Amino acid sequence: MNALVIVAKKQSEEQQCDFIHSLKDIAEVVALDDFESVKEAAARQKYKVVIMMTYGDSFPSSWKITELQTNCPTVILTGAKNINLFSIQAFIESFQENDTPDIDNPLFRKSLQYIEENLHENDLSLTKVASFIYVSRCHYSRMFNKYLGTGFKEYIMTKRIQRAKLLLRKGQPVTEVCYSVGYNDLTHFSRVFRKLVGVNPSTYRLSNRKESYSGGKQ
């Protein structure tokens, strides 16, 4: 995961579970009450962003926020109950949308750039990308698993839905977004979107538009 979300253990257990479940696919989310554990979590790996948040008006007095050391942007949020969850998701995904893994194979990096530039193509396939860098389909499949630890189809699906969410947040119509990210079947697109995001594209678009109109207040 490229993002770490640390939740101060003040809200109810039910709220914690709902929040953690909603973000678990895009971030590592932990609920902590001990500041030493907070520092250990933040130092565990190299993140793109660390978000510290509490549903209360302030963090516990034992949390010495200024002592937290990270090598990435760190966001401090209080009163998180007043922040729309979609806003937090969108912020985290802004660090991931065009994030290219740090890979020491120039040929494979070139293939990932090709994928980014051709996500809108419905026929974007493992064979097509492999041909672009002049390797066999089987060899490219092995490269994919070696460098990214995931399959080609899963990677493409995740990238397309990430881009779809970005376009929906900008207010683009669902049908237009569907075709813009490489799907030619609206029903299939909606099914995949709901599977990864938890809501259908129309609901996601409406929720984010409401968020922008309300200035971030629920």
Protein backbone atom coordinates (compact mmCIF):
# COMPACT_ATOMS: atom_id res chain seq x y z
CA MET A 1 0.00 0.00 0.00
CA ASN A 2 1.24 3.51 -0.84
CA ALA A 3 -0.86 5.27 1.82
CA LEU A 4 -1.13 4.89 5.58
CA VAL A 5 -4.18 6.14 7.49
CA ILE A 6 -3.81 6.25 11.28
CA VAL A 7 -7.08 6.66 13.17
CA ALA A 8 -6.95 7.79 16.81
CA LYS A 9 -8.88 5.21 18.80
CA LYS A 10 -11.63 7.51 20.07
CA GLN A 11 -14.63 6.72 17.93
CA SER A 12 -16.83 3.70 18.51
CA GLU A 13 -15.69 0.26 17.42
CA GLU A 14 -18.48 0.20 14.82
CA GLN A 15 -17.29 3.46 13.27
CA GLN A 16 -13.72 2.15 13.16
CA CYS A 17 -14.75 -1.05 11.39
CA ASP A 18 -16.85 0.78 8.80
CA PHE A 19 -14.09 3.28 8.08
CA ILE A 20 -11.32 0.69 7.86
CA HIS A 21 -13.41 -1.50 5.56
CA SER A 22 -14.15 1.41 3.24
CA LEU A 23 -10.49 2.29 2.70
CA LYS A 24 -8.75 -1.08 3.02
CA ASP A 25 -8.42 -1.55 -0.76
CA ILE A 26 -6.46 1.67 -1.30
CA ALA A 27 -4.62 2.23 1.98
CA GLU A 28 -3.30 0.58 5.08
CA VAL A 29 -5.64 1.71 7.86
CA VAL A 30 -4.89 1.21 11.55
CA ALA A 31 -6.73 2.35 14.70
CA LEU A 32 -4.26 3.12 17.49
CA ASP A 33 -4.26 4.69 20.94
CA ASP A 34 -0.53 4.53 21.76
CA PHE A 35 1.75 7.10 20.13
CA GLU A 36 4.76 4.74 20.11
CA SER A 37 2.68 2.40 17.95
CA VAL A 38 1.85 5.34 15.70
CA LYS A 39 5.55 6.08 15.15
CA GLU A 40 6.28 2.42 14.46
CA ALA A 41 3.47 2.21 11.91
CA ALA A 42 4.63 5.34 10.08
CA ALA A 43 8.20 4.01 9.90
CA ARG A 44 7.21 0.52 8.75
CA GLN A 45 7.64 1.21 5.04
CA LYS A 46 8.02 4.01 2.51
CA TYR A 47 4.57 5.51 1.92
CA LYS A 48 3.45 8.12 -0.59
CA VAL A 49 1.30 9.83 2.05
CA VAL A 50 0.46 9.42 5.75
CA ILE A 51 -2.88 10.64 7.09
CA MET A 52 -3.45 10.98 10.83
CA MET A 53 -7.05 11.56 11.81
CA THR A 54 -9.40 11.65 14.76
CA TYR A 55 -13.16 11.94 14.97
CA GLY A 56 -12.71 14.17 18.01
CA ASP A 57 -11.70 17.81 18.16
CA SER A 58 -8.11 16.97 19.10
CA PHE A 59 -5.68 14.08 19.34
CA PRO A 60 -4.85 12.49 22.71
CA SER A 61 -2.52 14.70 24.76
CA SER A 62 0.09 11.92 24.73
CA TRP A 63 0.39 12.14 20.94
CA LYS A 64 3.40 14.36 20.24
CA ILE A 65 2.55 15.05 16.61
CA THR A 66 5.67 17.15 16.03
CA GLU A 67 7.82 14.14 16.89
CA LEU A 68 6.40 12.04 14.07
CA GLN A 69 9.03 11.53 11.36
CA THR A 70 8.04 10.50 7.85
CA ASN A 71 9.62 10.82 4.41
CA CYS A 72 6.38 11.73 2.68
CA PRO A 73 3.55 14.28 2.93
CA THR A 74 1.74 13.94 6.27
CA VAL A 75 -1.82 15.19 6.73
CA ILE A 76 -3.33 15.89 10.14
CA LEU A 77 -7.14 15.78 10.34
CA THR A 78 -9.32 16.53 13.36
CA GLY A 79 -13.10 16.43 13.44
CA ALA A 80 -13.05 13.72 10.76
CA LYS A 81 -16.75 12.99 11.32
CA ASN A 82 -17.44 16.17 9.34
CA ILE A 83 -15.38 15.06 6.34
CA ASN A 84 -16.97 13.11 3.50
CA LEU A 85 -15.30 9.72 3.12
CA PHE A 86 -15.14 10.17 -0.66
CA SER A 87 -12.91 13.21 -0.11
CA ILE A 88 -10.38 11.10 1.76
CA GLN A 89 -10.53 8.39 -0.90
CA ALA A 90 -10.01 10.95 -3.65
CA PHE A 91 -7.05 12.49 -1.85
CA ILE A 92 -5.34 9.12 -1.40
CA GLU A 93 -5.99 8.14 -5.00
CA SER A 94 -4.48 11.40 -6.25
CA PHE A 95 -1.12 9.97 -5.13
CA GLN A 96 -1.78 6.73 -6.99
CA GLU A 97 -3.42 7.77 -10.26
CA ASN A 98 -0.21 8.30 -12.20
CA ASP A 99 2.12 6.50 -9.85
CA THR A 100 4.66 4.38 -11.75
CA PRO A 101 6.36 1.73 -9.62
CA ASP A 102 10.08 2.18 -9.04
CA ILE A 103 11.29 -0.69 -11.22
CA ASP A 104 14.85 -1.16 -12.48
CA ASN A 105 13.76 -2.68 -15.79
CA PRO A 106 13.45 0.09 -18.43
CA LEU A 107 11.57 -2.19 -20.81
CA PHE A 108 8.92 -3.04 -18.25
CA ARG A 109 8.59 0.61 -17.21
CA LYS A 110 8.03 1.42 -20.88
CA SER A 111 5.21 -1.10 -20.99
CA LEU A 112 3.52 0.47 -17.95
CA GLN A 113 3.68 3.87 -19.61
CA TYR A 114 2.09 2.35 -22.70
CA ILE A 115 -0.72 0.98 -20.53
CA GLU A 116 -1.31 4.41 -18.96
CA GLU A 117 -1.58 5.99 -22.40
CA ASN A 118 -3.93 3.33 -23.78
CA LEU A 119 -6.34 2.54 -20.94
CA HIS A 120 -9.14 3.89 -23.12
CA GLU A 121 -8.58 1.13 -25.69
CA ASN A 122 -11.06 -1.73 -25.23
CA ASP A 123 -8.66 -4.21 -26.85
CA LEU A 124 -5.77 -3.45 -24.49
CA SER A 125 -4.53 -6.97 -23.78
CA LEU A 126 -1.56 -8.82 -22.37
CA THR A 127 -0.60 -9.93 -25.88
CA LYS A 128 -0.81 -6.39 -27.27
CA VAL A 129 1.36 -4.86 -24.54
CA ALA A 130 3.85 -7.71 -24.75
CA SER A 131 4.15 -7.14 -28.50
CA PHE A 132 4.80 -3.45 -27.87
CA ILE A 133 8.02 -4.28 -26.02
CA TYR A 134 8.82 -7.25 -28.29
CA VAL A 135 8.53 -10.07 -25.75
CA SER A 136 6.30 -13.13 -25.69
CA ARG A 137 2.96 -13.16 -23.93
CA CYS A 138 4.18 -15.74 -21.41
CA HIS A 139 7.39 -13.84 -20.70
CA TYR A 140 5.50 -10.58 -20.15
CA SER A 141 3.05 -12.32 -17.81
CA ARG A 142 5.99 -13.55 -15.72
CA MET A 143 7.50 -10.05 -15.70
CA PHE A 144 4.22 -8.63 -14.48
CA ASN A 145 3.99 -10.98 -11.54
CA LYS A 146 7.67 -10.54 -10.73
CA TYR A 147 7.64 -6.75 -10.63
CA LEU A 148 4.11 -5.95 -9.47
CA GLY A 149 2.99 -9.07 -7.67
CA THR A 150 -0.36 -9.04 -9.42
CA GLY A 151 -1.91 -10.23 -12.66
CA PHE A 152 -2.26 -8.15 -15.81
CA LYS A 153 -6.08 -8.20 -15.79
CA GLU A 154 -6.28 -7.14 -12.15
CA TYR A 155 -3.83 -4.29 -12.77
CA ILE A 156 -5.76 -3.01 -15.78
CA MET A 157 -9.08 -3.23 -13.96
CA THR A 158 -7.73 -1.29 -10.97
CA LYS A 159 -6.15 1.39 -13.16
CA ARG A 160 -9.34 1.83 -15.19
CA ILE A 161 -11.52 2.20 -12.11
CA GLN A 162 -9.06 4.67 -10.57
CA ARG A 163 -9.30 6.79 -13.70
CA ALA A 164 -13.08 6.40 -13.82
CA LYS A 165 -13.37 7.73 -10.28
CA LEU A 166 -11.25 10.74 -11.20
CA LEU A 167 -13.47 11.52 -14.23
CA LEU A 168 -16.67 11.02 -12.23
CA ARG A 169 -15.42 13.42 -9.57
CA LYS A 170 -15.00 15.98 -12.35
CA GLY A 171 -18.69 15.54 -13.18
CA GLN A 172 -18.41 13.64 -16.45
CA PRO A 173 -21.47 11.52 -17.37
CA VAL A 174 -21.28 7.84 -16.42
CA THR A 175 -21.73 6.60 -19.99
CA GLU A 176 -18.95 8.87 -21.24
CA VAL A 177 -16.64 7.70 -18.45
CA CYS A 178 -17.41 4.07 -19.26
CA TYR A 179 -16.11 4.42 -22.81
CA SER A 180 -13.26 6.72 -21.77
CA VAL A 181 -11.67 4.02 -19.62
CA GLY A 182 -11.91 1.17 -22.09
CA TYR A 183 -15.28 -0.45 -21.39
CA ASN A 184 -17.83 -0.87 -24.15
CA ASP A 185 -20.59 -2.29 -21.95
CA LEU A 186 -22.15 0.03 -19.37
CA THR A 187 -23.61 -2.84 -17.34
CA HIS A 188 -20.24 -4.57 -17.10
CA PHE A 189 -18.51 -1.30 -16.20
CA SER A 190 -21.04 -0.62 -13.44
CA ARG A 191 -20.61 -4.15 -12.07
CA VAL A 192 -16.81 -3.86 -11.93
CA PHE A 193 -17.00 -0.37 -10.45
CA ARG A 194 -19.36 -1.48 -7.69
CA LYS A 195 -17.18 -4.49 -6.91
CA LEU A 196 -14.08 -2.33 -6.37
CA VAL A 197 -15.63 0.84 -4.96
CA GLY A 198 -18.69 -0.43 -3.11
CA VAL A 199 -21.22 1.80 -4.88
CA ASN A 200 -22.32 2.15 -8.49
CA PRO A 201 -20.83 4.90 -10.71
CA SER A 202 -23.95 7.08 -10.60
CA THR A 203 -24.02 7.08 -6.80
CA TYR A 204 -20.30 7.82 -6.62
CA ARG A 205 -20.63 10.71 -9.06
CA LEU A 206 -23.63 12.18 -7.24
CA SER A 207 -21.98 11.91 -3.81
CA ASN A 208 -18.89 13.72 -4.99
CA ARG A 209 -20.88 16.45 -6.73
CA LYS A 210 -22.83 17.00 -3.52
CA GLU A 211 -19.56 17.17 -1.66
CA SER A 212 -18.22 19.88 -3.97
CA TYR A 213 -21.43 21.91 -3.70
CA SER A 214 -21.50 21.72 0.10
CA GLY A 215 -17.91 22.82 0.46
CA GLY A 216 -16.90 19.58 2.17
CA LYS A 217 -19.68 19.51 4.78
CA GLN A 218 -22.08 16.64 5.24
